[in-house]
Protein backbone atom coordinates (compact mmCIF):
# COMPACT_ATOMS: atom_id res chain seq x y z
CA MET A 1 2.09 13.75 22.00
CA SER A 2 3.26 14.66 18.53
CA ASP A 3 5.85 12.14 17.82
CA PHE A 4 4.91 8.86 16.43
CA SER A 5 4.73 6.06 19.14
CA GLY A 6 4.42 2.25 18.29
CA ASP A 7 2.70 1.56 21.49
CA ARG A 8 0.16 4.20 21.12
CA PHE A 9 -0.51 3.19 17.55
CA SER A 10 -0.93 -0.30 18.72
CA ARG A 11 -3.47 0.97 21.09
CA LEU A 12 -5.32 2.63 18.27
CA LEU A 13 -5.33 -0.42 16.18
CA LYS A 14 -6.85 -2.40 19.05
CA SER A 15 -9.54 0.19 19.53
CA LEU A 16 -10.81 -0.77 16.04
CA THR A 17 -11.83 -4.03 14.18
CA LEU A 18 -12.40 -4.20 10.35
CA ARG A 19 -16.08 -4.67 9.76
CA GLU A 20 -16.35 -4.44 5.89
CA ILE A 21 -14.49 -3.78 2.75
CA THR A 22 -16.79 -2.70 -0.19
CA PRO A 23 -15.71 -1.94 -3.63
CA MET A 24 -17.69 1.03 -4.87
CA GLU A 25 -16.13 1.86 -8.30
CA LEU A 26 -13.73 -0.19 -10.53
CA LEU A 27 -12.52 1.45 -13.65
CA SER A 28 -9.87 0.02 -16.00
CA LYS A 29 -8.79 1.99 -19.04
CA ARG A 30 -6.67 0.67 -22.00
CA LEU A 31 -5.15 3.72 -23.52
CA GLY A 32 -2.55 2.10 -25.46
CA ASP A 33 -0.42 -1.03 -25.93
CA ILE A 34 2.55 -2.37 -23.83
CA PRO A 35 5.39 -3.16 -26.25
CA GLN A 36 7.49 -6.21 -25.56
CA GLY A 37 10.93 -5.33 -24.08
CA VAL A 38 10.19 -1.86 -23.43
CA GLU A 39 10.56 -0.44 -20.02
CA MET A 40 7.43 0.88 -18.56
CA GLN A 41 6.96 3.46 -15.74
CA LEU A 42 4.59 2.51 -12.94
CA GLU A 43 2.95 5.05 -10.75
CA TRP A 44 0.09 4.81 -8.11
CA LYS A 45 -1.64 7.17 -5.73
CA GLN A 46 -3.77 6.81 -2.82
CA ALA A 47 -6.45 9.45 -1.67
CA PHE A 48 -9.25 9.88 0.61
CA ALA A 49 -12.71 11.60 0.32
CA ASP A 50 -12.95 14.89 2.01
CA GLY A 51 -14.15 14.53 5.58
CA ASP A 52 -12.66 10.91 6.23
CA PRO A 53 -13.41 9.30 8.44
CA VAL A 54 -17.21 9.57 8.60
CA LEU A 55 -18.85 8.60 11.71
CA ALA A 56 -21.66 6.35 10.62
CA SER A 57 -22.78 5.53 14.10
CA PRO A 58 -21.17 5.95 17.45
CA GLU A 59 -19.60 2.52 16.85
CA ILE A 60 -18.79 2.62 13.15
CA GLU A 61 -16.13 4.82 11.28
CA ILE A 62 -16.13 4.70 7.46
CA PHE A 63 -13.03 5.60 5.35
CA ARG A 64 -13.21 5.90 1.51
CA PRO A 65 -9.88 5.33 -0.13
CA LYS A 66 -9.29 5.84 -3.68
CA PHE A 67 -6.38 4.08 -5.53
CA ASP A 68 -5.19 5.12 -8.93
CA PHE A 69 -2.57 3.15 -10.90
CA PHE A 70 -1.00 4.26 -14.08
CA VAL A 71 1.33 2.44 -16.65
CA ARG A 72 3.30 4.76 -18.89
CA GLN A 73 5.71 4.34 -21.78
CA GLY A 74 7.61 7.71 -21.66
CA THR A 75 4.87 10.48 -21.22
CA ALA A 76 2.24 8.19 -22.94
CA GLU A 77 -0.35 6.59 -20.44
CA VAL A 78 -1.19 3.09 -21.66
CA PHE A 79 -3.27 1.82 -18.92
CA HIS A 80 -5.09 3.49 -15.93
CA GLN A 81 -6.88 1.73 -12.97
CA THR A 82 -9.15 3.45 -10.43
CA SER A 83 -10.54 1.68 -7.39
CA ILE A 84 -12.73 3.30 -4.83
CA PHE A 85 -13.66 1.46 -1.61
CA ILE A 86 -15.61 1.81 1.53
CA LEU A 87 -13.96 0.55 4.71
CA ALA A 88 -16.09 0.25 7.76
CA PHE A 89 -14.50 -0.18 11.16
CA ASN A 90 -16.25 -1.00 14.28
CA VAL A 91 -14.99 1.01 17.10
CA VAL A 92 -14.74 -1.41 19.99
CA ASP A 93 -13.08 1.14 22.55
CA PRO A 94 -14.52 4.58 21.71
CA ALA A 95 -12.79 6.34 24.51
CA ALA A 96 -9.26 5.16 23.21
CA PHE A 97 -10.15 5.61 19.68
CA ARG A 98 -11.08 9.29 20.16
CA GLU A 99 -7.98 10.07 22.30
CA LEU A 100 -5.60 8.53 20.04
CA TRP A 101 -7.28 9.83 16.74
CA ALA A 102 -6.65 13.32 17.93
CA GLU A 103 -2.98 12.76 17.47
CA GLU A 104 -2.06 13.87 13.89
CA SER A 105 0.97 11.49 13.68
CA LEU A 106 -1.27 8.55 14.52
CA ARG A 107 -3.98 9.41 11.98
CA LYS A 108 -1.33 9.97 9.35
CA VAL A 109 0.21 6.56 9.86
CA PHE A 110 -3.15 4.93 10.01
CA MET A 111 -4.61 6.46 6.79
CA GLU A 112 -1.26 6.56 4.60
CA LYS A 113 0.23 3.27 5.82
CA GLN A 114 -2.19 0.97 7.66
CA ILE A 115 -5.12 1.40 5.12
CA GLN A 116 -2.63 1.05 2.31
CA ARG A 117 -1.22 -2.17 3.63
CA THR A 118 -4.92 -3.51 4.27
CA MET A 119 -5.99 -2.66 0.65
CA TRP A 120 -2.89 -3.35 -1.24
CA PRO A 121 -3.61 -7.11 -1.96
CA ILE A 122 -7.15 -6.29 -3.15
CA PHE A 123 -6.02 -3.32 -5.36
CA ARG A 124 -3.04 -5.39 -6.76
CA GLN A 125 -5.78 -8.10 -7.87
CA HIS A 126 -7.92 -5.21 -9.54
CA VAL A 127 -4.96 -4.07 -11.54
CA ILE A 128 -4.23 -7.63 -12.63
CA ASP A 129 -7.89 -8.29 -13.47
CA GLY A 130 -8.35 -4.95 -15.09
CA MET A 131 -5.46 -5.49 -17.51
CA SER A 132 -6.38 -9.02 -18.19
CA ARG A 133 -9.99 -8.06 -19.21
CA LEU A 134 -8.77 -5.48 -21.50
CA ALA A 135 -6.42 -8.16 -23.21
CA MET A 136 -3.17 -6.68 -21.82
CA GLN A 137 -0.33 -8.64 -20.24
CA PRO A 138 -0.77 -8.00 -16.48
CA ILE A 139 1.87 -6.24 -14.57
CA PRO A 140 1.90 -7.32 -11.03
CA LEU A 141 2.35 -4.76 -8.44
CA PRO A 142 5.34 -5.01 -6.06
CA TRP A 143 4.94 -5.93 -2.33
CA LEU A 144 4.75 -3.19 0.08
CA ILE A 145 7.61 -3.21 2.68
């Protein structure tokens, strides 16, 4: 099946349980100032380590997402936050997981949307904390819809 199926995606989610979220790298860089009353451009990116997910054992899948957030004034970057995590999932139904993970559309939604939604509140807090620690007025990231 090549098209996305909500029922099949639900089955994929039920084949896993979140075991652990471990921050591995947190890097905040102040590269300038945020002037009052000036519109800033916000940009963020999500990427995964090559080979994700990694099979840590027959019952554990590991994902290693990296999130980058940039604040720019025009072309000048004034803040950059990088956060790298390890997410460990227990595979509670290995047969269902293997069957469903073989479908590219399900893998794509899981990696691009599900992990993003799982990690977004933590990453948002990293951005706020990183800016605060560097004596910058924090910019709250928007909700994901």
